[in-house]
Amino acid sequence: MKRTLFAIILACCTLMMAAQEGGIRVKYQGAKPSISDFVNSYLNSRSEGDDDCSDESFNAVQQAWNNKRAGKALRGGETLTIDSKNGFVLYESRYDNQLLRVEMCYWNEADQKHKLFAYNVACFTNGKYSPGQFDGLTFLRYDNATKRMSWCEAPGFDAVMGNEDGSWISYSLPRTGKDITVTTWLKNGKQQQTTLKFNGRKFSY
């Protein structure tokens, strides 16, 4: 049920972004965009469109991002890490035994004409993955020539959240390096980790 709802929400957001004149315009100063430019453009594009696709996790990230940019304090339990050098942003919100993690990063593609931007949401309860309806991994591809990024499928793999055996899957974006860590949360409480390696265009196990 959760996977079906997530698919409907993702499709809604995809249609919304596809209708925005060929993608999201990324505004920046200097020779190339930074992670802050990608994040700011992505958050603004969602807020400018039909807010039917808005969700609590996105709204929390957006508010924290705007507060940070305005020099205001974050709300209790919130942290926002902006690592410009490594092209990585992490938002965390803790409440009792609940943790919301939202990661964003980008990769330079091998053709030197595109960049890949990722937005990842994961919820945890007592340290264990407890996916909500808005959890998941989203990708957009940025074109250096048009200065726009558009939604794309996960390059080289299926970004599924669960398996038929009842296990859940969470993703962790790289703060350093290029590879994505994939954790399978088994029904017996154990975890299995694998790595999605980036080859300059797509990922593979």
N, C-alpha and C. Protein backbone atom coordinates (compact mmCIF):
# COMPACT_ATOMS: atom_id res chain seq x y z
N MET A 1 0.82 -1.20 0.00
CA MET A 1 0.00 0.00 0.00
C MET A 1 0.86 1.26 0.00
N LYS A 2 1.91 1.24 0.88
CA LYS A 2 2.80 2.40 0.95
C LYS A 2 3.53 2.60 -0.36
N ARG A 3 3.97 1.47 -0.99
CA ARG A 3 4.70 1.59 -2.25
C ARG A 3 3.81 2.15 -3.34
N THR A 4 2.52 1.74 -3.35
CA THR A 4 1.58 2.24 -4.36
C THR A 4 1.35 3.73 -4.17
N LEU A 5 1.15 4.16 -2.91
CA LEU A 5 0.93 5.57 -2.64
C LEU A 5 2.14 6.39 -3.02
N PHE A 6 3.34 5.85 -2.70
CA PHE A 6 4.57 6.56 -3.06
C PHE A 6 4.68 6.73 -4.57
N ALA A 7 4.32 5.68 -5.31
CA ALA A 7 4.40 5.74 -6.77
C ALA A 7 3.45 6.80 -7.33
N ILE A 8 2.25 6.91 -6.74
CA ILE A 8 1.28 7.92 -7.19
C ILE A 8 1.81 9.32 -6.92
N ILE A 9 2.37 9.51 -5.71
CA ILE A 9 2.90 10.83 -5.36
C ILE A 9 4.07 11.20 -6.26
N LEU A 10 4.95 10.23 -6.51
CA LEU A 10 6.10 10.48 -7.36
C LEU A 10 5.66 10.84 -8.78
N ALA A 11 4.65 10.14 -9.29
CA ALA A 11 4.14 10.43 -10.62
C ALA A 11 3.56 11.83 -10.68
N CYS A 12 2.86 12.22 -9.62
CA CYS A 12 2.29 13.57 -9.55
C CYS A 12 3.37 14.63 -9.62
N CYS A 13 4.42 14.43 -8.83
CA CYS A 13 5.52 15.39 -8.82
C CYS A 13 6.26 15.41 -10.15
N THR A 14 6.39 14.24 -10.77
CA THR A 14 7.05 14.15 -12.06
C THR A 14 6.31 14.95 -13.12
N LEU A 15 5.00 14.79 -13.17
CA LEU A 15 4.20 15.54 -14.14
C LEU A 15 4.29 17.03 -13.89
N MET A 16 4.30 17.42 -12.62
CA MET A 16 4.39 18.83 -12.29
C MET A 16 5.70 19.42 -12.79
N MET A 17 6.82 18.71 -12.55
CA MET A 17 8.12 19.23 -12.95
C MET A 17 8.29 19.19 -14.46
N ALA A 18 7.72 18.18 -15.10
CA ALA A 18 7.85 18.08 -16.55
C ALA A 18 7.14 19.21 -17.25
N ALA A 19 6.13 19.77 -16.58
CA ALA A 19 5.36 20.85 -17.19
C ALA A 19 6.03 22.20 -17.06
N GLN A 20 7.11 22.26 -16.31
CA GLN A 20 7.76 23.54 -16.06
C GLN A 20 8.79 23.86 -17.15
N GLU A 21 8.31 24.01 -18.36
CA GLU A 21 9.15 24.45 -19.48
C GLU A 21 10.43 23.65 -19.59
N GLY A 22 10.31 22.34 -19.60
CA GLY A 22 11.48 21.51 -19.83
C GLY A 22 12.34 21.28 -18.62
N GLY A 23 11.85 21.55 -17.43
CA GLY A 23 12.61 21.26 -16.24
C GLY A 23 12.75 22.45 -15.31
N ILE A 24 13.65 22.32 -14.36
CA ILE A 24 13.86 23.33 -13.33
C ILE A 24 15.06 24.19 -13.68
N ARG A 25 14.86 25.46 -13.75
CA ARG A 25 15.95 26.40 -14.01
C ARG A 25 16.85 26.50 -12.78
N VAL A 26 18.14 26.28 -12.95
CA VAL A 26 19.10 26.38 -11.85
C VAL A 26 19.83 27.71 -11.97
N LYS A 27 19.58 28.59 -11.02
CA LYS A 27 20.22 29.91 -11.03
C LYS A 27 21.48 29.86 -10.18
N TYR A 28 22.55 30.43 -10.69
CA TYR A 28 23.80 30.44 -9.95
C TYR A 28 24.69 31.56 -10.43
N GLN A 29 25.69 31.87 -9.63
CA GLN A 29 26.70 32.85 -10.00
C GLN A 29 28.05 32.15 -10.07
N GLY A 30 28.92 32.64 -10.95
CA GLY A 30 30.21 32.00 -11.10
C GLY A 30 30.23 31.04 -12.28
N ALA A 31 31.25 30.17 -12.29
CA ALA A 31 31.46 29.29 -13.44
C ALA A 31 30.51 28.10 -13.47
N LYS A 32 30.06 27.64 -12.32
CA LYS A 32 29.21 26.45 -12.29
C LYS A 32 28.36 26.46 -11.03
N PRO A 33 27.25 25.73 -11.03
CA PRO A 33 26.38 25.69 -9.84
C PRO A 33 26.99 24.87 -8.71
N SER A 34 26.66 25.24 -7.49
CA SER A 34 27.09 24.51 -6.30
C SER A 34 25.93 23.67 -5.78
N ILE A 35 26.18 22.89 -4.75
CA ILE A 35 25.11 22.10 -4.16
C ILE A 35 24.01 23.01 -3.64
N SER A 36 24.37 24.17 -3.10
CA SER A 36 23.36 25.10 -2.60
C SER A 36 22.47 25.61 -3.72
N ASP A 37 23.05 25.82 -4.90
CA ASP A 37 22.26 26.26 -6.05
C ASP A 37 21.26 25.18 -6.47
N PHE A 38 21.70 23.93 -6.49
CA PHE A 38 20.81 22.83 -6.86
C PHE A 38 19.68 22.69 -5.84
N VAL A 39 20.03 22.72 -4.56
CA VAL A 39 19.03 22.57 -3.51
C VAL A 39 18.04 23.72 -3.54
N ASN A 40 18.54 24.94 -3.65
CA ASN A 40 17.66 26.10 -3.66
C ASN A 40 16.71 26.06 -4.85
N SER A 41 17.21 25.68 -6.01
CA SER A 41 16.36 25.60 -7.21
C SER A 41 15.31 24.51 -7.07
N TYR A 42 15.70 23.37 -6.52
CA TYR A 42 14.76 22.26 -6.35
C TYR A 42 13.66 22.63 -5.36
N LEU A 43 14.05 23.19 -4.21
CA LEU A 43 13.05 23.56 -3.20
C LEU A 43 12.11 24.64 -3.72
N ASN A 44 12.64 25.61 -4.43
CA ASN A 44 11.80 26.67 -4.98
C ASN A 44 10.85 26.15 -6.04
N SER A 45 11.30 25.20 -6.85
CA SER A 45 10.45 24.68 -7.92
C SER A 45 9.24 23.95 -7.36
N ARG A 46 9.43 23.23 -6.27
CA ARG A 46 8.33 22.51 -5.65
C ARG A 46 7.33 23.49 -5.04
N SER A 47 7.82 24.56 -4.44
CA SER A 47 6.93 25.50 -3.76
C SER A 47 6.18 26.38 -4.74
N GLU A 48 6.74 26.57 -5.95
CA GLU A 48 6.10 27.41 -6.95
C GLU A 48 4.99 26.69 -7.69
N GLY A 49 5.01 25.35 -7.66
CA GLY A 49 4.03 24.57 -8.40
C GLY A 49 2.81 24.26 -7.56
N ASP A 50 2.02 23.30 -8.02
CA ASP A 50 0.85 22.84 -7.31
C ASP A 50 1.29 22.12 -6.05
N ASP A 51 0.85 22.62 -4.88
CA ASP A 51 1.35 22.05 -3.63
C ASP A 51 0.66 20.76 -3.26
N ASP A 52 -0.09 20.14 -4.14
CA ASP A 52 -0.67 18.84 -3.84
C ASP A 52 0.41 17.80 -3.58
N CYS A 53 1.60 18.03 -4.12
CA CYS A 53 2.69 17.07 -3.95
C CYS A 53 3.54 17.37 -2.72
N SER A 54 3.20 18.42 -1.99
CA SER A 54 3.98 18.77 -0.81
C SER A 54 3.77 17.71 0.27
N ASP A 55 4.77 17.56 1.13
CA ASP A 55 4.68 16.59 2.21
C ASP A 55 5.40 17.16 3.42
N GLU A 56 5.20 16.53 4.57
CA GLU A 56 5.76 17.06 5.80
C GLU A 56 7.27 17.11 5.78
N SER A 57 7.92 16.08 5.23
CA SER A 57 9.38 16.07 5.20
C SER A 57 9.91 17.19 4.31
N PHE A 58 9.29 17.36 3.14
CA PHE A 58 9.73 18.43 2.25
C PHE A 58 9.52 19.79 2.88
N ASN A 59 8.35 20.00 3.48
CA ASN A 59 8.06 21.28 4.12
C ASN A 59 9.05 21.59 5.23
N ALA A 60 9.45 20.56 5.98
CA ALA A 60 10.41 20.75 7.06
C ALA A 60 11.77 21.15 6.51
N VAL A 61 12.22 20.48 5.45
CA VAL A 61 13.50 20.82 4.83
C VAL A 61 13.46 22.24 4.28
N GLN A 62 12.38 22.56 3.59
CA GLN A 62 12.26 23.89 3.00
C GLN A 62 12.30 25.00 4.05
N GLN A 63 11.58 24.79 5.15
CA GLN A 63 11.58 25.80 6.20
C GLN A 63 12.95 25.95 6.85
N ALA A 64 13.62 24.81 7.11
CA ALA A 64 14.95 24.87 7.70
C ALA A 64 15.94 25.54 6.75
N TRP A 65 15.82 25.23 5.45
CA TRP A 65 16.70 25.84 4.45
C TRP A 65 16.51 27.35 4.39
N ASN A 66 15.26 27.79 4.39
CA ASN A 66 14.97 29.23 4.34
C ASN A 66 15.43 29.93 5.61
N ASN A 67 15.26 29.27 6.76
CA ASN A 67 15.72 29.87 8.01
C ASN A 67 17.23 30.01 8.02
N LYS A 68 17.92 28.98 7.53
CA LYS A 68 19.38 29.01 7.49
C LYS A 68 19.87 30.15 6.60
N ARG A 69 19.25 30.28 5.44
CA ARG A 69 19.66 31.34 4.51
C ARG A 69 19.37 32.74 5.06
N ALA A 70 18.34 32.83 5.88
CA ALA A 70 17.96 34.12 6.46
C ALA A 70 18.69 34.40 7.78
N GLY A 71 19.53 33.47 8.21
CA GLY A 71 20.26 33.65 9.46
C GLY A 71 19.43 33.41 10.69
N LYS A 72 18.30 32.72 10.55
CA LYS A 72 17.42 32.45 11.68
C LYS A 72 17.76 31.08 12.29
N ALA A 73 17.34 30.90 13.52
CA ALA A 73 17.59 29.64 14.22
C ALA A 73 16.68 28.55 13.68
N LEU A 74 17.17 27.32 13.70
CA LEU A 74 16.35 26.19 13.33
C LEU A 74 15.45 25.80 14.51
N ARG A 75 14.44 25.02 14.22
CA ARG A 75 13.56 24.55 15.28
C ARG A 75 14.25 23.49 16.13
N GLY A 76 13.73 23.26 17.31
CA GLY A 76 14.30 22.27 18.21
C GLY A 76 14.37 20.90 17.58
N GLY A 77 15.50 20.23 17.75
CA GLY A 77 15.68 18.89 17.20
C GLY A 77 16.16 18.86 15.77
N GLU A 78 16.32 20.03 15.16
CA GLU A 78 16.73 20.10 13.76
C GLU A 78 18.20 20.42 13.61
N THR A 79 18.84 19.83 12.60
CA THR A 79 20.18 20.23 12.17
C THR A 79 20.19 20.28 10.64
N LEU A 80 20.98 21.17 10.11
CA LEU A 80 21.13 21.29 8.66
C LEU A 80 22.61 21.47 8.35
N THR A 81 23.18 20.48 7.68
CA THR A 81 24.60 20.50 7.32
C THR A 81 24.74 20.78 5.84
N ILE A 82 25.48 21.83 5.51
CA ILE A 82 25.74 22.19 4.11
C ILE A 82 27.23 22.06 3.86
N ASP A 83 27.63 21.00 3.19
CA ASP A 83 29.04 20.74 2.88
C ASP A 83 29.28 21.11 1.43
N SER A 84 29.61 22.36 1.21
CA SER A 84 29.78 22.86 -0.16
C SER A 84 30.97 22.20 -0.86
N LYS A 85 32.04 21.93 -0.11
CA LYS A 85 33.24 21.34 -0.70
C LYS A 85 32.94 19.98 -1.31
N ASN A 86 32.16 19.16 -0.62
CA ASN A 86 31.85 17.81 -1.09
C ASN A 86 30.51 17.72 -1.82
N GLY A 87 29.82 18.84 -1.98
CA GLY A 87 28.55 18.83 -2.71
C GLY A 87 27.47 18.00 -2.04
N PHE A 88 27.29 18.22 -0.73
CA PHE A 88 26.39 17.38 0.06
C PHE A 88 25.63 18.22 1.07
N VAL A 89 24.33 17.94 1.22
CA VAL A 89 23.49 18.61 2.22
C VAL A 89 22.74 17.53 3.00
N LEU A 90 22.69 17.69 4.33
CA LEU A 90 21.97 16.75 5.18
C LEU A 90 21.08 17.53 6.14
N TYR A 91 19.77 17.20 6.11
CA TYR A 91 18.82 17.74 7.09
C TYR A 91 18.39 16.59 8.00
N GLU A 92 18.41 16.84 9.31
CA GLU A 92 17.93 15.85 10.26
C GLU A 92 16.97 16.51 11.25
N SER A 93 15.91 15.77 11.58
CA SER A 93 14.94 16.22 12.57
C SER A 93 14.68 15.07 13.54
N ARG A 94 14.93 15.30 14.82
CA ARG A 94 14.73 14.28 15.84
C ARG A 94 13.60 14.67 16.78
N TYR A 95 12.72 13.70 17.04
CA TYR A 95 11.63 13.92 17.99
C TYR A 95 11.39 12.60 18.72
N ASP A 96 11.66 12.59 20.03
CA ASP A 96 11.58 11.37 20.82
C ASP A 96 12.44 10.29 20.16
N ASN A 97 11.82 9.18 19.75
CA ASN A 97 12.58 8.09 19.13
C ASN A 97 12.53 8.11 17.61
N GLN A 98 12.04 9.23 17.05
CA GLN A 98 11.89 9.35 15.60
C GLN A 98 13.02 10.20 15.00
N LEU A 99 13.50 9.76 13.84
CA LEU A 99 14.53 10.52 13.12
C LEU A 99 14.15 10.61 11.65
N LEU A 100 14.13 11.82 11.14
CA LEU A 100 13.95 12.07 9.71
C LEU A 100 15.27 12.54 9.13
N ARG A 101 15.73 11.85 8.08
CA ARG A 101 16.96 12.25 7.38
C ARG A 101 16.63 12.55 5.93
N VAL A 102 17.05 13.72 5.47
CA VAL A 102 16.90 14.10 4.07
C VAL A 102 18.28 14.49 3.55
N GLU A 103 18.77 13.75 2.56
CA GLU A 103 20.09 13.99 1.99
C GLU A 103 19.96 14.50 0.56
N MET A 104 20.88 15.35 0.17
CA MET A 104 20.94 15.83 -1.20
C MET A 104 22.41 15.93 -1.62
N CYS A 105 22.70 15.52 -2.84
CA CYS A 105 24.06 15.63 -3.36
C CYS A 105 24.01 15.63 -4.88
N TYR A 106 25.17 15.81 -5.51
CA TYR A 106 25.22 15.72 -6.97
C TYR A 106 26.53 15.10 -7.42
N TRP A 107 26.49 14.55 -8.63
CA TRP A 107 27.67 13.94 -9.26
C TRP A 107 27.94 14.65 -10.59
N ASN A 108 29.21 14.80 -10.94
CA ASN A 108 29.60 15.24 -12.27
C ASN A 108 29.64 14.03 -13.19
N GLU A 109 28.92 14.10 -14.30
CA GLU A 109 28.92 12.96 -15.21
C GLU A 109 30.15 12.97 -16.12
N ALA A 110 30.48 11.81 -16.65
CA ALA A 110 31.71 11.62 -17.41
C ALA A 110 31.75 12.45 -18.69
N ASP A 111 30.58 12.76 -19.28
CA ASP A 111 30.58 13.52 -20.52
C ASP A 111 30.88 15.00 -20.32
N GLN A 112 30.98 15.41 -19.06
CA GLN A 112 31.28 16.80 -18.68
C GLN A 112 30.20 17.78 -19.17
N LYS A 113 29.05 17.25 -19.55
CA LYS A 113 27.94 18.09 -20.02
C LYS A 113 26.74 18.02 -19.08
N HIS A 114 26.75 17.08 -18.18
CA HIS A 114 25.61 16.87 -17.29
C HIS A 114 26.07 16.63 -15.85
N LYS A 115 25.15 16.91 -14.92
CA LYS A 115 25.33 16.57 -13.52
C LYS A 115 24.08 15.84 -13.05
N LEU A 116 24.25 14.98 -12.07
CA LEU A 116 23.14 14.20 -11.54
C LEU A 116 22.88 14.66 -10.11
N PHE A 117 21.64 15.07 -9.84
CA PHE A 117 21.25 15.54 -8.51
C PHE A 117 20.31 14.52 -7.87
N ALA A 118 20.51 14.24 -6.59
CA ALA A 118 19.68 13.26 -5.88
C ALA A 118 19.10 13.86 -4.62
N TYR A 119 17.86 13.46 -4.32
CA TYR A 119 17.13 13.89 -3.13
C TYR A 119 16.62 12.63 -2.45
N ASN A 120 17.06 12.39 -1.22
CA ASN A 120 16.77 11.12 -0.55
C ASN A 120 16.12 11.35 0.81
N VAL A 121 14.99 10.69 1.06
CA VAL A 121 14.26 10.81 2.33
C VAL A 121 14.20 9.46 3.02
N ALA A 122 14.53 9.43 4.31
CA ALA A 122 14.47 8.18 5.08
C ALA A 122 14.07 8.48 6.52
N CYS A 123 13.12 7.71 7.05
CA CYS A 123 12.65 7.86 8.42
C CYS A 123 13.05 6.64 9.25
N PHE A 124 13.41 6.88 10.51
CA PHE A 124 13.85 5.82 11.40
C PHE A 124 13.13 5.92 12.74
N THR A 125 12.88 4.77 13.34
CA THR A 125 12.30 4.69 14.68
C THR A 125 13.18 3.78 15.53
N ASN A 126 13.69 4.33 16.63
CA ASN A 126 14.61 3.57 17.50
C ASN A 126 15.78 2.99 16.71
N GLY A 127 16.27 3.75 15.75
CA GLY A 127 17.44 3.34 14.98
C GLY A 127 17.17 2.37 13.86
N LYS A 128 15.90 2.00 13.67
CA LYS A 128 15.55 1.08 12.60
C LYS A 128 14.75 1.80 11.53
N TYR A 129 14.96 1.40 10.29
CA TYR A 129 14.26 2.04 9.17
C TYR A 129 12.76 1.83 9.31
N SER A 130 12.02 2.94 9.24
CA SER A 130 10.56 2.90 9.39
C SER A 130 9.97 3.82 8.34
N PRO A 131 9.89 3.37 7.08
CA PRO A 131 9.55 4.27 5.97
C PRO A 131 8.15 4.85 6.06
N GLY A 132 8.07 6.14 5.77
CA GLY A 132 6.80 6.83 5.67
C GLY A 132 6.38 6.90 4.21
N GLN A 133 5.24 7.53 3.95
CA GLN A 133 4.72 7.54 2.59
C GLN A 133 5.53 8.42 1.65
N PHE A 134 6.37 9.29 2.18
CA PHE A 134 7.16 10.17 1.31
C PHE A 134 8.63 9.78 1.25
N ASP A 135 8.98 8.65 1.86
CA ASP A 135 10.36 8.17 1.78
C ASP A 135 10.70 7.77 0.34
N GLY A 136 11.98 7.85 0.02
CA GLY A 136 12.42 7.38 -1.29
C GLY A 136 13.54 8.22 -1.86
N LEU A 137 14.06 7.75 -2.97
CA LEU A 137 15.21 8.35 -3.64
C LEU A 137 14.79 8.89 -5.00
N THR A 138 15.03 10.18 -5.22
CA THR A 138 14.63 10.86 -6.46
C THR A 138 15.86 11.42 -7.17
N PHE A 139 15.90 11.32 -8.50
CA PHE A 139 17.02 11.84 -9.29
C PHE A 139 16.54 12.87 -10.30
N LEU A 140 17.39 13.85 -10.53
CA LEU A 140 17.20 14.81 -11.61
C LEU A 140 18.53 14.99 -12.33
N ARG A 141 18.48 15.16 -13.66
CA ARG A 141 19.70 15.35 -14.44
C ARG A 141 19.79 16.81 -14.89
N TYR A 142 20.94 17.42 -14.62
CA TYR A 142 21.20 18.82 -14.98
C TYR A 142 21.99 18.90 -16.27
N ASP A 143 21.55 19.77 -17.16
CA ASP A 143 22.21 19.99 -18.45
C ASP A 143 23.00 21.29 -18.39
N ASN A 144 24.31 21.22 -18.57
CA ASN A 144 25.14 22.42 -18.50
C ASN A 144 24.74 23.47 -19.52
N ALA A 145 24.30 23.03 -20.71
CA ALA A 145 23.99 23.96 -21.79
C ALA A 145 22.70 24.73 -21.52
N THR A 146 21.67 24.05 -21.07
CA THR A 146 20.37 24.70 -20.84
C THR A 146 20.23 25.28 -19.45
N LYS A 147 21.12 24.86 -18.54
CA LYS A 147 21.07 25.29 -17.14
C LYS A 147 19.76 24.89 -16.47
N ARG A 148 19.25 23.72 -16.88
CA ARG A 148 18.02 23.18 -16.30
C ARG A 148 18.25 21.74 -15.88
N MET A 149 17.48 21.31 -14.87
CA MET A 149 17.52 19.90 -14.48
C MET A 149 16.10 19.35 -14.54
N SER A 150 16.01 18.10 -15.00
CA SER A 150 14.72 17.45 -15.17
C SER A 150 14.74 16.09 -14.49
N TRP A 151 13.58 15.67 -13.98
CA TRP A 151 13.46 14.39 -13.30
C TRP A 151 13.87 13.27 -14.24
N CYS A 152 14.55 12.27 -13.70
CA CYS A 152 14.94 11.10 -14.50
C CYS A 152 14.82 9.86 -13.62
N GLU A 153 14.75 8.71 -14.27
CA GLU A 153 14.73 7.46 -13.52
C GLU A 153 16.08 7.22 -12.86
N ALA A 154 16.08 6.42 -11.81
CA ALA A 154 17.34 6.07 -11.17
C ALA A 154 18.26 5.44 -12.22
N PRO A 155 19.43 6.03 -12.48
CA PRO A 155 20.29 5.54 -13.56
C PRO A 155 20.98 4.22 -13.25
N GLY A 156 20.55 3.15 -13.92
CA GLY A 156 21.22 1.87 -13.79
C GLY A 156 20.61 0.91 -12.78
N PHE A 157 19.61 1.35 -12.01
CA PHE A 157 19.00 0.45 -11.02
C PHE A 157 17.58 0.91 -10.71
N ASP A 158 16.82 0.05 -10.06
CA ASP A 158 15.47 0.38 -9.62
C ASP A 158 15.52 0.84 -8.17
N ALA A 159 15.10 2.06 -7.93
CA ALA A 159 15.14 2.61 -6.57
C ALA A 159 13.91 2.19 -5.79
N VAL A 160 13.77 0.88 -5.58
CA VAL A 160 12.62 0.36 -4.85
C VAL A 160 12.83 0.51 -3.35
N MET A 161 11.73 0.52 -2.61
CA MET A 161 11.80 0.69 -1.16
C MET A 161 11.60 -0.61 -0.41
N GLY A 162 11.07 -1.64 -1.09
CA GLY A 162 10.82 -2.89 -0.40
C GLY A 162 10.89 -4.08 -1.33
N ASN A 163 11.02 -5.26 -0.73
CA ASN A 163 11.06 -6.51 -1.47
C ASN A 163 9.81 -7.34 -1.19
N GLU A 164 9.58 -8.33 -2.02
CA GLU A 164 8.40 -9.18 -1.86
C GLU A 164 8.45 -9.99 -0.57
N ASP A 165 9.63 -10.19 0.00
CA ASP A 165 9.74 -10.97 1.23
C ASP A 165 9.42 -10.14 2.48
N GLY A 166 9.04 -8.88 2.27
CA GLY A 166 8.67 -8.04 3.40
C GLY A 166 9.80 -7.20 3.96
N SER A 167 10.98 -7.32 3.41
CA SER A 167 12.11 -6.49 3.86
C SER A 167 12.03 -5.10 3.23
N TRP A 168 12.62 -4.13 3.93
CA TRP A 168 12.64 -2.75 3.44
C TRP A 168 14.04 -2.38 2.95
N ILE A 169 14.11 -1.38 2.09
CA ILE A 169 15.39 -0.94 1.54
C ILE A 169 15.53 0.57 1.76
N SER A 170 16.65 0.97 2.33
CA SER A 170 16.96 2.39 2.49
C SER A 170 18.26 2.71 1.77
N TYR A 171 18.43 3.99 1.43
CA TYR A 171 19.61 4.43 0.69
C TYR A 171 20.34 5.52 1.48
N SER A 172 21.64 5.58 1.31
CA SER A 172 22.45 6.60 1.94
C SER A 172 23.35 7.22 0.88
N LEU A 173 23.20 8.52 0.67
CA LEU A 173 23.98 9.22 -0.36
C LEU A 173 25.39 9.51 0.15
N PRO A 174 26.35 9.60 -0.76
CA PRO A 174 27.74 9.80 -0.33
C PRO A 174 28.06 11.26 0.00
N ARG A 175 28.65 11.47 1.16
CA ARG A 175 29.20 12.79 1.48
C ARG A 175 30.59 12.91 0.88
N THR A 176 31.31 11.81 0.88
CA THR A 176 32.60 11.72 0.19
C THR A 176 32.54 10.52 -0.74
N GLY A 177 33.31 10.54 -1.79
CA GLY A 177 33.25 9.47 -2.76
C GLY A 177 32.04 9.62 -3.67
N LYS A 178 31.73 8.56 -4.42
CA LYS A 178 30.68 8.64 -5.43
C LYS A 178 29.59 7.58 -5.29
N ASP A 179 29.73 6.68 -4.33
CA ASP A 179 28.87 5.51 -4.30
C ASP A 179 27.74 5.63 -3.28
N ILE A 180 26.61 4.99 -3.59
CA ILE A 180 25.44 4.98 -2.73
C ILE A 180 25.43 3.69 -1.91
N THR A 181 25.19 3.80 -0.61
CA THR A 181 25.08 2.63 0.25
C THR A 181 23.63 2.19 0.32
N VAL A 182 23.38 0.92 0.06
CA VAL A 182 22.03 0.35 0.08
C VAL A 182 21.92 -0.60 1.27
N THR A 183 20.95 -0.35 2.15
CA THR A 183 20.75 -1.21 3.32
C THR A 183 19.42 -1.93 3.20
N THR A 184 19.46 -3.25 3.28
CA THR A 184 18.24 -4.06 3.31
C THR A 184 17.94 -4.42 4.75
N TRP A 185 16.76 -4.04 5.22
CA TRP A 185 16.35 -4.28 6.60
C TRP A 185 15.47 -5.54 6.61
N LEU A 186 16.04 -6.65 7.03
CA LEU A 186 15.36 -7.93 7.00
C LEU A 186 14.30 -8.02 8.10
N LYS A 187 13.33 -8.90 7.90
CA LYS A 187 12.24 -9.05 8.87
C LYS A 187 12.73 -9.62 10.19
N ASN A 188 13.86 -10.33 10.18
CA ASN A 188 14.40 -10.89 11.43
C ASN A 188 15.21 -9.88 12.23
N GLY A 189 15.23 -8.62 11.77
CA GLY A 189 15.93 -7.56 12.49
C GLY A 189 17.35 -7.32 12.05
N LYS A 190 17.88 -8.20 11.20
CA LYS A 190 19.24 -8.03 10.72
C LYS A 190 19.28 -7.09 9.51
N GLN A 191 20.49 -6.65 9.18
CA GLN A 191 20.69 -5.74 8.05
C GLN A 191 21.71 -6.32 7.08
N GLN A 192 21.54 -6.00 5.82
CA GLN A 192 22.52 -6.34 4.80
C GLN A 192 22.84 -5.09 3.99
N GLN A 193 24.12 -4.84 3.77
CA GLN A 193 24.52 -3.65 3.03
C GLN A 193 25.23 -4.01 1.73
N THR A 194 24.91 -3.27 0.70
CA THR A 194 25.59 -3.38 -0.59
C THR A 194 25.91 -1.97 -1.08
N THR A 195 26.68 -1.89 -2.14
CA THR A 195 27.10 -0.59 -2.65
C THR A 195 26.75 -0.44 -4.12
N LEU A 196 26.17 0.70 -4.45
CA LEU A 196 25.93 1.07 -5.84
C LEU A 196 27.07 1.97 -6.29
N LYS A 197 27.88 1.48 -7.24
CA LYS A 197 29.06 2.22 -7.67
C LYS A 197 28.74 3.07 -8.90
N PHE A 198 29.19 4.30 -8.88
CA PHE A 198 28.94 5.24 -9.97
C PHE A 198 30.09 5.22 -10.95
N ASN A 199 29.78 5.04 -12.24
CA ASN A 199 30.82 4.95 -13.27
C ASN A 199 30.92 6.20 -14.14
N GLY A 200 30.28 7.27 -13.70
CA GLY A 200 30.30 8.50 -14.48
C GLY A 200 29.03 8.77 -15.24
N ARG A 201 28.16 7.77 -15.29
CA ARG A 201 26.88 7.92 -15.98
C ARG A 201 25.74 7.23 -15.25
N LYS A 202 26.02 6.05 -14.69
CA LYS A 202 24.99 5.29 -13.98
C LYS A 202 25.62 4.48 -12.86
N PHE A 203 24.76 3.84 -12.08
CA PHE A 203 25.19 3.04 -10.95
C PHE A 203 25.03 1.55 -11.24
N SER A 204 25.85 0.76 -10.60
CA SER A 204 25.74 -0.69 -10.72
C SER A 204 26.25 -1.34 -9.45
N TYR A 205 25.72 -2.54 -9.14
CA TYR A 205 26.15 -3.28 -7.95
C TYR A 205 27.48 -3.97 -8.22
